[in-house]
C-alpha cells in the first residue's frame, strides 16, 4: 500500500467528518488489533500460548491519541509542494535552507522543527516546513523563506517511531481513531520531529503527528 494513501486518507477523513458524513471506507482490510486465527477445539487442553512480543515500533502507552494544545509560535518557514515518493528529501531540503538562514543570522531555534501539511491528494501534497524562533528576526528572510505563525488549537498527538516509510501504518491507525470517535478536525495535520529530519537517519525517526480538533469537542 503506497504511503500516500493514508496521508491523503487522513485529510479525506478530516474533511468528511467535518461535513458530517458518518463512514469512511479504508482501501485495505486488516485484522483487528490483537486478533488471532481461530482453531478447532481439541478434546485435550491446548497448551497455553506464549506471550506475544510487542511490535518493534509500537507506541508506548499514552503516546497514541494524547490530548495536547498547540500554541501559536513565531516560525521561519519554507512553503512548497511535492510528490509522495520524494517526501523525506523535499522536507529535509527545506529544513536545510532554514538552518542556513538561522545560522547566518545567529538565531537559535525555539522548539522542534515541524511540517504542516495543508493539502494532499493521491500523488502529492502542499506543505510548510517550519522552525520556531523566539522573536521576529531583525533581518527578515527573503525569497522562498518567510516568517509567520504556526497553527494553534486543541489537538490529538500520535507518536511514530521508526522509518519515514513506515508512517503509513501510523496514518492508517489515526484515520481509524478519528472515524471511531466521530471527531471533527481541521483540514491540516502536523508532523513534529523529535529527531532532526535534516540530519537524522531516515529509518530511526521519532515523529509526533498532531491532528487539530475543532472547538467544542473533547478529543480524549
C-alpha atoms as a PDB file:
ATOM      1  CA  UNK A   1       0.000   0.000   0.000  1.00  0.00           C
ATOM      2  CA  UNK A   2       1.539   3.307  -1.072  1.00  0.00           C
ATOM      3  CA  UNK A   3       2.441   5.767   1.672  1.00  0.00           C
ATOM      4  CA  UNK A   4       0.276   8.444   0.003  1.00  0.00           C
ATOM      5  CA  UNK A   5      -2.988   6.567   0.574  1.00  0.00           C
ATOM      6  CA  UNK A   6      -3.018   7.037   4.326  1.00  0.00           C
ATOM      7  CA  UNK A   7      -1.807  10.636   4.330  1.00  0.00           C
ATOM      8  CA  UNK A   8      -4.333  11.679   1.717  1.00  0.00           C
ATOM      9  CA  UNK A   9      -6.842   9.453   3.500  1.00  0.00           C
ATOM     10  CA  UNK A  10      -6.244  11.294   6.775  1.00  0.00           C
ATOM     11  CA  UNK A  11      -7.086  14.643   5.195  1.00  0.00           C
ATOM     12  CA  UNK A  12     -10.050  12.993   3.483  1.00  0.00           C
ATOM     13  CA  UNK A  13     -11.474  11.751   6.775  1.00  0.00           C
ATOM     14  CA  UNK A  14     -10.945  15.184   8.320  1.00  0.00           C
ATOM     15  CA  UNK A  15     -12.965  16.779   5.532  1.00  0.00           C
ATOM     16  CA  UNK A  16     -15.621  14.034   5.547  1.00  0.00           C
ATOM     17  CA  UNK A  17     -16.126  14.225   9.314  1.00  0.00           C
ATOM     18  CA  UNK A  18     -16.346  17.998   9.082  1.00  0.00           C
ATOM     19  CA  UNK A  19     -19.385  17.846   6.785  1.00  0.00           C
ATOM     20  CA  UNK A  20     -20.975  15.110   8.912  1.00  0.00           C
ATOM     21  CA  UNK A  21     -20.699  12.037   6.684  1.00  0.00           C
ATOM     22  CA  UNK A  22     -20.807   9.060   9.005  1.00  0.00           C
ATOM     23  CA  UNK A  23     -18.447   6.496   7.453  1.00  0.00           C
ATOM     24  CA  UNK A  24     -15.029   6.349   5.881  1.00  0.00           C
ATOM     25  CA  UNK A  25     -14.050   3.366   3.733  1.00  0.00           C
ATOM     26  CA  UNK A  26     -10.408   2.369   4.020  1.00  0.00           C
ATOM     27  CA  UNK A  27      -8.963   0.739   0.906  1.00  0.00           C
ATOM     28  CA  UNK A  28      -7.482  -2.391   2.561  1.00  0.00           C
ATOM     29  CA  UNK A  29      -8.728  -4.972   5.038  1.00  0.00           C
ATOM     30  CA  UNK A  30      -6.552  -5.675   8.067  1.00  0.00           C
ATOM     31  CA  UNK A  31      -7.047  -7.908  11.111  1.00  0.00           C
ATOM     32  CA  UNK A  32      -8.246  -6.175  14.253  1.00  0.00           C
ATOM     33  CA  UNK A  33      -5.631  -5.307  16.850  1.00  0.00           C
ATOM     34  CA  UNK A  34      -4.859  -8.414  18.882  1.00  0.00           C
ATOM     35  CA  UNK A  35      -6.856 -10.694  16.568  1.00  0.00           C
ATOM     36  CA  UNK A  36      -5.558 -14.259  16.165  1.00  0.00           C
ATOM     37  CA  UNK A  37      -6.505 -17.090  13.874  1.00  0.00           C
ATOM     38  CA  UNK A  38      -9.189 -19.443  15.203  1.00  0.00           C
ATOM     39  CA  UNK A  39      -8.525 -23.107  15.886  1.00  0.00           C
ATOM     40  CA  UNK A  40     -10.622 -26.241  16.179  1.00  0.00           C
ATOM     41  CA  UNK A  41     -11.362 -27.344  19.763  1.00  0.00           C
ATOM     42  CA  UNK A  42      -9.420 -30.430  20.789  1.00  0.00           C
ATOM     43  CA  UNK A  43     -10.523 -32.970  23.455  1.00  0.00           C
ATOM     44  CA  UNK A  44      -7.234 -32.303  25.204  1.00  0.00           C
ATOM     45  CA  UNK A  45      -6.466 -28.952  26.783  1.00  0.00           C
ATOM     46  CA  UNK A  46      -4.434 -26.814  24.440  1.00  0.00           C
ATOM     47  CA  UNK A  47      -1.066 -25.617  25.747  1.00  0.00           C
ATOM     48  CA  UNK A  48      -1.019 -22.050  26.965  1.00  0.00           C
ATOM     49  CA  UNK A  49       0.169 -19.687  24.260  1.00  0.00           C
ATOM     50  CA  UNK A  50       3.417 -17.868  24.878  1.00  0.00           C
ATOM     51  CA  UNK A  51       3.120 -14.083  25.329  1.00  0.00           C
ATOM     52  CA  UNK A  52       3.474 -12.244  22.046  1.00  0.00           C
ATOM     53  CA  UNK A  53       6.195  -9.582  21.863  1.00  0.00           C
ATOM     54  CA  UNK A  54       5.089  -6.030  21.207  1.00  0.00           C
ATOM     55  CA  UNK A  55       5.590  -4.709  17.660  1.00  0.00           C
ATOM     56  CA  UNK A  56       9.036  -3.216  17.214  1.00  0.00           C
ATOM     57  CA  UNK A  57       7.846   0.335  16.716  1.00  0.00           C
ATOM     58  CA  UNK A  58       4.640   0.215  18.746  1.00  0.00           C
ATOM     59  CA  UNK A  59       3.910   3.463  20.615  1.00  0.00           C
ATOM     60  CA  UNK A  60       4.263   3.430  24.368  1.00  0.00           C
ATOM     61  CA  UNK A  61       1.097   3.768  26.493  1.00  0.00           C
ATOM     62  CA  UNK A  62      -0.211   7.339  26.352  1.00  0.00           C
ATOM     63  CA  UNK A  63       1.564   8.096  23.068  1.00  0.00           C
ATOM     64  CA  UNK A  64      -1.446   7.485  20.807  1.00  0.00           C
ATOM     65  CA  UNK A  65      -4.306   9.941  20.879  1.00  0.00           C
ATOM     66  CA  UNK A  66      -2.928  12.030  23.751  1.00  0.00           C
ATOM     67  CA  UNK A  67      -4.679  15.357  24.378  1.00  0.00           C
ATOM     68  CA  UNK A  68      -2.498  18.339  23.500  1.00  0.00           C
ATOM     69  CA  UNK A  69      -2.784  22.080  22.959  1.00  0.00           C
ATOM     70  CA  UNK A  70      -0.731  23.707  20.213  1.00  0.00           C
ATOM     71  CA  UNK A  71       0.194  27.339  20.985  1.00  0.00           C
ATOM     72  CA  UNK A  72       0.898  29.731  18.131  1.00  0.00           C
ATOM     73  CA  UNK A  73       4.623  30.367  17.734  1.00  0.00           C
ATOM     74  CA  UNK A  74       6.718  32.651  15.561  1.00  0.00           C
ATOM     75  CA  UNK A  75       8.319  30.469  12.900  1.00  0.00           C
ATOM     76  CA  UNK A  76      10.681  30.686   9.960  1.00  0.00           C
ATOM     77  CA  UNK A  77       9.229  28.559   7.165  1.00  0.00           C
ATOM     78  CA  UNK A  78       9.596  27.324   3.614  1.00  0.00           C
ATOM     79  CA  UNK A  79       6.380  26.749   1.674  1.00  0.00           C
ATOM     80  CA  UNK A  80       6.116  24.376  -1.252  1.00  0.00           C
ATOM     81  CA  UNK A  81       4.660  21.237  -2.805  1.00  0.00           C
ATOM     82  CA  UNK A  82       5.922  17.828  -3.813  1.00  0.00           C
ATOM     83  CA  UNK A  83       5.184  14.214  -4.666  1.00  0.00           C
ATOM     84  CA  UNK A  84       4.921  11.437  -2.093  1.00  0.00           C
ATOM     85  CA  UNK A  85       7.816   9.415  -3.480  1.00  0.00           C
ATOM     86  CA  UNK A  86      10.184  12.268  -2.586  1.00  0.00           C
ATOM     87  CA  UNK A  87       8.587  13.477   0.658  1.00  0.00           C
ATOM     88  CA  UNK A  88      11.521  12.998   3.007  1.00  0.00           C
ATOM     89  CA  UNK A  89      14.051  14.527   0.599  1.00  0.00           C
ATOM     90  CA  UNK A  90      11.816  17.547  -0.014  1.00  0.00           C
ATOM     91  CA  UNK A  91      11.205  18.168   3.682  1.00  0.00           C
ATOM     92  CA  UNK A  92      14.869  17.632   4.595  1.00  0.00           C
ATOM     93  CA  UNK A  93      15.924  20.084   1.885  1.00  0.00           C
ATOM     94  CA  UNK A  94      13.531  22.721   3.226  1.00  0.00           C
ATOM     95  CA  UNK A  95      14.918  22.415   6.758  1.00  0.00           C
ATOM     96  CA  UNK A  96      18.476  22.710   5.444  1.00  0.00           C
ATOM     97  CA  UNK A  97      17.517  26.029   3.799  1.00  0.00           C
ATOM     98  CA  UNK A  98      16.032  27.282   7.064  1.00  0.00           C
ATOM     99  CA  UNK A  99      19.086  26.163   9.033  1.00  0.00           C
ATOM    100  CA  UNK A 100      21.380  28.038   6.661  1.00  0.00           C
ATOM    101  CA  UNK A 101      19.405  31.244   7.225  1.00  0.00           C
ATOM    102  CA  UNK A 102      19.250  30.819  11.018  1.00  0.00           C
ATOM    103  CA  UNK A 103      22.981  30.088  11.266  1.00  0.00           C
ATOM    104  CA  UNK A 104      23.792  33.136   9.139  1.00  0.00           C
ATOM    105  CA  UNK A 105      21.671  35.405  11.361  1.00  0.00           C
ATOM    106  CA  UNK A 106      22.832  33.812  14.616  1.00  0.00           C
ATOM    107  CA  UNK A 107      19.270  32.751  15.534  1.00  0.00           C
ATOM    108  CA  UNK A 108      18.655  29.681  17.673  1.00  0.00           C
ATOM    109  CA  UNK A 109      15.553  27.505  17.188  1.00  0.00           C
ATOM    110  CA  UNK A 110      12.973  27.824  19.971  1.00  0.00           C
ATOM    111  CA  UNK A 111      11.284  24.456  19.565  1.00  0.00           C
ATOM    112  CA  UNK A 112      11.160  21.372  17.387  1.00  0.00           C
ATOM    113  CA  UNK A 113      11.031  21.577  13.566  1.00  0.00           C
ATOM    114  CA  UNK A 114       7.683  20.662  12.035  1.00  0.00           C
ATOM    115  CA  UNK A 115       5.901  20.249   8.727  1.00  0.00           C
ATOM    116  CA  UNK A 116       2.343  21.499   8.230  1.00  0.00           C
ATOM    117  CA  UNK A 117       0.551  19.517   5.507  1.00  0.00           C
ATOM    118  CA  UNK A 118      -2.113  21.881   4.190  1.00  0.00           C
ATOM    119  CA  UNK A 119      -3.408  19.851   1.222  1.00  0.00           C
ATOM    120  CA  UNK A 120      -2.918  16.324  -0.120  1.00  0.00           C
ATOM    121  CA  UNK A 121      -4.099  14.023  -2.879  1.00  0.00           C
ATOM    122  CA  UNK A 122      -3.041  10.619  -4.197  1.00  0.00           C
ATOM    123  CA  UNK A 123       0.046  11.963  -5.954  1.00  0.00           C
ATOM    124  CA  UNK A 124       1.343  14.824  -3.833  1.00  0.00           C
ATOM    125  CA  UNK A 125       0.979  17.466  -1.161  1.00  0.00           C
ATOM    126  CA  UNK A 126       1.341  21.125  -0.214  1.00  0.00           C
ATOM    127  CA  UNK A 127       3.291  21.945   2.911  1.00  0.00           C
ATOM    128  CA  UNK A 128       5.113  24.419   5.125  1.00  0.00           C
ATOM    129  CA  UNK A 129       8.364  23.330   6.795  1.00  0.00           C
ATOM    130  CA  UNK A 130       8.668  25.435   9.954  1.00  0.00           C
ATOM    131  CA  UNK A 131      11.225  26.070  12.698  1.00  0.00           C
ATOM    132  CA  UNK A 132      10.038  28.007  15.789  1.00  0.00           C
ATOM    133  CA  UNK A 133      12.073  31.025  16.921  1.00  0.00           C
ATOM    134  CA  UNK A 134      11.774  33.265  19.986  1.00  0.00           C
ATOM    135  CA  UNK A 135      11.046  36.556  18.167  1.00  0.00           C
ATOM    136  CA  UNK A 136      10.694  38.075  14.702  1.00  0.00           C
ATOM    137  CA  UNK A 137      14.183  38.466  13.172  1.00  0.00           C
ATOM    138  CA  UNK A 138      15.680  41.941  12.838  1.00  0.00           C
ATOM    139  CA  UNK A 139      16.764  40.960   9.336  1.00  0.00           C
ATOM    140  CA  UNK A 140      13.760  39.073   7.917  1.00  0.00           C
ATOM    141  CA  UNK A 141      14.414  36.396   5.294  1.00  0.00           C
ATOM    142  CA  UNK A 142      13.634  36.870   1.614  1.00  0.00           C
ATOM    143  CA  UNK A 143      12.831  34.661  -1.350  1.00  0.00           C
ATOM    144  CA  UNK A 144      11.292  31.292  -0.536  1.00  0.00           C
ATOM    145  CA  UNK A 145      11.960  31.671   3.208  1.00  0.00           C
ATOM    146  CA  UNK A 146       9.468  33.680   5.276  1.00  0.00           C
ATOM    147  CA  UNK A 147       8.353  34.428   8.841  1.00  0.00           C
ATOM    148  CA  UNK A 148       4.889  33.570  10.140  1.00  0.00           C
ATOM    149  CA  UNK A 149       2.858  31.902  12.894  1.00  0.00           C
ATOM    150  CA  UNK A 150       2.379  28.190  13.477  1.00  0.00           C
ATOM    151  CA  UNK A 151      -1.163  26.739  13.751  1.00  0.00           C
ATOM    152  CA  UNK A 152      -2.735  26.751  17.195  1.00  0.00           C
ATOM    153  CA  UNK A 153      -5.557  24.912  18.900  1.00  0.00           C
ATOM    154  CA  UNK A 154      -6.686  21.742  20.634  1.00  0.00           C
ATOM    155  CA  UNK A 155      -5.136  18.641  19.120  1.00  0.00           C
ATOM    156  CA  UNK A 156      -4.565  14.926  19.398  1.00  0.00           C
ATOM    157  CA  UNK A 157      -0.964  13.736  19.496  1.00  0.00           C
ATOM    158  CA  UNK A 158       0.183  10.450  17.947  1.00  0.00           C
ATOM    159  CA  UNK A 159       3.805   9.295  18.236  1.00  0.00           C
ATOM    160  CA  UNK A 160       5.582   7.400  15.442  1.00  0.00           C
ATOM    161  CA  UNK A 161       8.902   5.638  15.998  1.00  0.00           C
ATOM    162  CA  UNK A 162      10.795   4.100  13.103  1.00  0.00           C
ATOM    163  CA  UNK A 163      11.366   4.802   9.438  1.00  0.00           C
ATOM    164  CA  UNK A 164       9.678   7.559   7.473  1.00  0.00           C
ATOM    165  CA  UNK A 165       8.274   4.989   5.060  1.00  0.00           C
ATOM    166  CA  UNK A 166       6.552   3.187   7.945  1.00  0.00           C
ATOM    167  CA  UNK A 167       4.469   6.263   8.741  1.00  0.00           C
ATOM    168  CA  UNK A 168       1.737   4.729   6.556  1.00  0.00           C
ATOM    169  CA  UNK A 169       0.840   2.395   9.446  1.00  0.00           C
ATOM    170  CA  UNK A 170       0.555   5.325  11.861  1.00  0.00           C
ATOM    171  CA  UNK A 171      -1.655   7.311   9.490  1.00  0.00           C
ATOM    172  CA  UNK A 172      -3.920   4.311   8.952  1.00  0.00           C
ATOM    173  CA  UNK A 173      -4.357   3.991  12.716  1.00  0.00           C
ATOM    174  CA  UNK A 174      -5.021   7.738  13.081  1.00  0.00           C
ATOM    175  CA  UNK A 175      -7.691   7.592  10.381  1.00  0.00           C
ATOM    176  CA  UNK A 176      -9.432   4.749  12.229  1.00  0.00           C
ATOM    177  CA  UNK A 177      -9.099   6.581  15.572  1.00  0.00           C
ATOM    178  CA  UNK A 178     -10.849   9.696  14.230  1.00  0.00           C
ATOM    179  CA  UNK A 179     -13.542   7.685  12.482  1.00  0.00           C
ATOM    180  CA  UNK A 180     -14.333   5.602  15.586  1.00  0.00           C
ATOM    181  CA  UNK A 181     -14.766   8.709  17.756  1.00  0.00           C
ATOM    182  CA  UNK A 182     -16.574  10.851  15.134  1.00  0.00           C
ATOM    183  CA  UNK A 183     -14.210  13.736  15.814  1.00  0.00           C
ATOM    184  CA  UNK A 184     -14.260  16.826  13.619  1.00  0.00           C
ATOM    185  CA  UNK A 185     -10.778  18.022  12.771  1.00  0.00           C
ATOM    186  CA  UNK A 186      -9.286  20.936  10.916  1.00  0.00           C
ATOM    187  CA  UNK A 187      -8.193  20.261   7.344  1.00  0.00           C
ATOM    188  CA  UNK A 188      -4.474  20.047   8.088  1.00  0.00           C
ATOM    189  CA  UNK A 189      -2.100  17.918  10.110  1.00  0.00           C
ATOM    190  CA  UNK A 190       1.329  18.473  11.631  1.00  0.00           C
ATOM    191  CA  UNK A 191       4.461  16.371  11.813  1.00  0.00           C
ATOM    192  CA  UNK A 192       6.822  17.489  14.594  1.00  0.00           C
ATOM    193  CA  UNK A 193      10.295  15.959  14.541  1.00  0.00           C
ATOM    194  CA  UNK A 194      11.960  14.850  17.778  1.00  0.00           C
ATOM    195  CA  UNK A 195      14.843  13.737  15.567  1.00  0.00           C
ATOM    196  CA  UNK A 196      16.206  16.302  13.097  1.00  0.00           C
ATOM    197  CA  UNK A 197      14.985  15.312   9.586  1.00  0.00           C
ATOM    198  CA  UNK A 198      17.874  17.259   8.029  1.00  0.00           C
ATOM    199  CA  UNK A 199      20.478  15.152   9.858  1.00  0.00           C
ATOM    200  CA  UNK A 200      18.929  12.004  11.355  1.00  0.00           C
ATOM    201  CA  UNK A 201      18.846   8.504   9.902  1.00  0.00           C
ATOM    202  CA  UNK A 202      15.564   8.267   7.969  1.00  0.00           C
ATOM    203  CA  UNK A 203      14.977   4.804   9.433  1.00  0.00           C
ATOM    204  CA  UNK A 204      15.348   5.874  13.087  1.00  0.00           C
ATOM    205  CA  UNK A 205      12.961   8.778  13.496  1.00  0.00           C
ATOM    206  CA  UNK A 206      10.671   9.905  16.305  1.00  0.00           C
ATOM    207  CA  UNK A 207       7.792  11.947  14.885  1.00  0.00           C
ATOM    208  CA  UNK A 208       4.844  13.489  16.725  1.00  0.00           C
ATOM    209  CA  UNK A 209       1.778  13.697  14.480  1.00  0.00           C
ATOM    210  CA  UNK A 210      -0.788  16.300  15.587  1.00  0.00           C
ATOM    211  CA  UNK A 211      -4.370  16.448  14.347  1.00  0.00           C
ATOM    212  CA  UNK A 212      -6.049  19.735  15.287  1.00  0.00           C
ATOM    213  CA  UNK A 213      -9.556  19.279  16.677  1.00  0.00           C
ATOM    214  CA  UNK A 214     -12.336  21.829  16.172  1.00  0.00           C
ATOM    215  CA  UNK A 215     -13.587  23.733  19.225  1.00  0.00           C
ATOM    216  CA  UNK A 216     -16.318  22.378  21.491  1.00  0.00           C
ATOM    217  CA  UNK A 217     -15.173  18.756  21.286  1.00  0.00           C
ATOM    218  CA  UNK A 218     -13.414  16.547  23.798  1.00  0.00           C
ATOM    219  CA  UNK A 219     -10.666  14.754  21.877  1.00  0.00           C
ATOM    220  CA  UNK A 220      -9.890  12.174  24.560  1.00  0.00           C
END
